[in-house]
Protein backbone atom coordinates (compact mmCIF):
# COMPACT_ATOMS: atom_id res chain seq x y z
CA UNK A 1 -0.35 0.24 0.21
CA UNK A 2 3.05 2.44 0.81
CA UNK A 3 4.34 1.36 -2.65
CA UNK A 4 1.92 3.91 -5.23
CA UNK A 5 2.58 6.87 -2.27
CA UNK A 6 6.38 6.21 -2.90
CA UNK A 7 5.81 6.46 -6.75
CA UNK A 8 3.85 9.49 -7.09
CA UNK A 9 6.53 11.05 -4.38
CA UNK A 10 9.35 10.48 -6.79
CA UNK A 11 7.17 11.29 -9.55
CA UNK A 12 7.03 14.89 -8.21
CA UNK A 13 10.12 14.96 -7.08
CA UNK A 14 11.31 14.31 -10.44
CA UNK A 15 8.98 17.10 -11.93
CA UNK A 16 10.20 19.83 -9.62
CA UNK A 17 13.84 18.68 -10.90
CA UNK A 18 12.83 18.59 -14.59
CA UNK A 19 11.27 22.40 -13.68
CA UNK A 20 14.65 23.68 -12.25
CA UNK A 21 16.29 22.12 -15.14
CA UNK A 22 13.82 23.76 -17.89
CA UNK A 23 14.56 26.84 -16.12
CA UNK A 24 18.17 26.84 -16.29
CA UNK A 25 18.14 25.99 -19.85
CA UNK A 26 15.54 28.60 -20.30
CA UNK A 27 17.87 31.18 -18.70
CA UNK A 28 21.08 30.22 -20.20
CA UNK A 29 19.12 30.59 -23.89
CA UNK A 30 17.09 33.90 -23.11
CA UNK A 31 20.68 35.50 -22.30
CA UNK A 32 21.97 33.99 -25.31
CA UNK A 33 18.98 35.79 -27.31
CA UNK A 34 19.44 39.08 -25.50
CA UNK A 35 22.95 39.47 -26.52
CA UNK A 36 22.88 38.41 -30.01
CA UNK A 37 20.10 40.72 -30.14
CA UNK A 38 21.95 43.60 -28.56
CA UNK A 39 24.89 42.64 -30.99
CA UNK A 40 22.85 42.78 -34.04
CA UNK A 41 21.61 46.58 -32.83
CA UNK A 42 24.56 47.75 -32.22
CA UNK A 43 26.00 47.02 -35.62
CA UNK A 44 22.70 48.27 -37.08
CA UNK A 45 23.45 51.49 -35.36
CA UNK A 46 27.14 51.75 -36.54
CA UNK A 47 25.73 50.83 -39.99
CA UNK A 48 23.59 53.37 -39.89
CA UNK A 49 25.75 56.22 -38.75
CA UNK A 50 28.35 55.16 -40.98
CA UNK A 51 25.53 55.34 -43.77
CA UNK A 52 24.58 58.96 -42.53
CA UNK A 53 28.17 60.23 -42.59
CA UNK A 54 28.39 58.82 -46.18
CA UNK A 55 25.28 60.99 -46.97
CA UNK A 56 26.63 63.86 -45.46
CA UNK A 57 29.54 64.04 -47.95
CA UNK A 58 27.82 63.08 -50.99
CA UNK A 59 28.00 66.28 -53.57
CA UNK A 60 25.48 64.68 -56.25
CA UNK A 61 21.85 63.40 -55.85
CA UNK A 62 22.56 60.26 -57.87
CA UNK A 63 25.51 59.31 -55.54
CA UNK A 64 22.78 60.15 -52.50
CA UNK A 65 20.78 57.66 -54.50
CA UNK A 66 23.39 55.22 -54.42
CA UNK A 67 24.26 55.21 -51.34
CA UNK A 68 21.01 55.21 -49.83
CA UNK A 69 19.89 52.32 -51.96
CA UNK A 70 23.22 50.31 -50.62
CA UNK A 71 22.29 51.25 -47.32
CA UNK A 72 18.59 49.83 -47.77
CA UNK A 73 20.03 46.26 -49.61
CA UNK A 74 22.14 45.78 -46.98
CA UNK A 75 19.69 46.25 -44.08
CA UNK A 76 17.24 44.35 -45.22
CA UNK A 77 19.59 41.32 -45.62
CA UNK A 78 20.88 42.05 -42.67
CA UNK A 79 17.36 42.14 -40.65
CA UNK A 80 16.57 38.73 -42.65
CA UNK A 81 19.41 37.01 -41.66
CA UNK A 82 18.93 37.83 -37.88
CA UNK A 83 15.46 37.17 -37.73
CA UNK A 84 15.72 33.47 -39.54
CA UNK A 85 19.23 33.26 -36.53
CA UNK A 86 16.60 34.68 -33.73
CA UNK A 87 13.59 32.19 -34.70
CA UNK A 88 16.38 29.16 -34.76
CA UNK A 89 17.72 30.35 -31.38
CA UNK A 90 13.76 30.68 -29.87
CA UNK A 91 13.04 27.17 -31.38
CA UNK A 92 16.54 25.74 -29.83
CA UNK A 93 15.34 27.31 -26.64
CA UNK A 94 11.60 25.52 -26.63
CA UNK A 95 13.17 22.36 -27.48
CA UNK A 96 15.65 22.66 -25.14
CA UNK A 97 13.44 23.76 -22.11
CA UNK A 98 10.73 20.62 -22.69
CA UNK A 99 13.48 18.20 -22.94
CA UNK A 100 13.73 17.44 -19.21
CA UNK A 101 10.17 16.81 -19.36
CA UNK A 102 10.38 13.93 -21.30
CA UNK A 103 11.58 11.41 -19.10
CA UNK A 104 9.04 12.35 -16.28
CA UNK A 105 6.24 11.99 -18.94
CA UNK A 106 7.53 9.00 -20.25
CA UNK A 107 8.00 7.68 -16.51
CA UNK A 108 4.15 8.79 -15.68
CA UNK A 109 2.96 7.15 -18.89
CA UNK A 110 4.68 4.03 -17.85
CA UNK A 111 3.48 4.06 -14.38
CA UNK A 112 0.00 5.19 -14.73
CA UNK A 113 -1.24 3.15 -17.74
CA UNK A 114 -2.62 -0.19 -17.34
CA UNK A 115 -1.27 -2.97 -19.24
CA UNK A 116 -3.61 -4.21 -22.23
CA UNK A 117 -5.16 -7.22 -22.04
CA UNK A 118 -4.10 -10.05 -24.21
CA UNK A 119 -6.38 -10.62 -26.99
CA UNK A 120 -7.97 -13.89 -26.97
CA UNK A 121 -7.26 -16.62 -29.38
CA UNK A 122 -10.42 -17.91 -31.30
């Protein structure tokens, strides 16, 4: 009679341990995303400032359009690359954060599902 209580108690402890591990992984993954986003923002700002300096020194409208076109193209490509990288980081974060719960789920399923009755031979 004591064995089901111990089983539930162990599953509760395992769930708590999995939650702590998931939070640790989530913290690490979130920090990586924040650092990456801050780096992108810094590079983007520097690129914008550099382009502005080029535009200030331009003497003709054609050259100004050329500089602005190059900036827009580069900024767009950088944004798409950063968006893809950020999406991948978030997907990895979600996958890694849920991984500790897989073992707990498997243990709970095997503990609480009753064995299927054998089919009768006819």
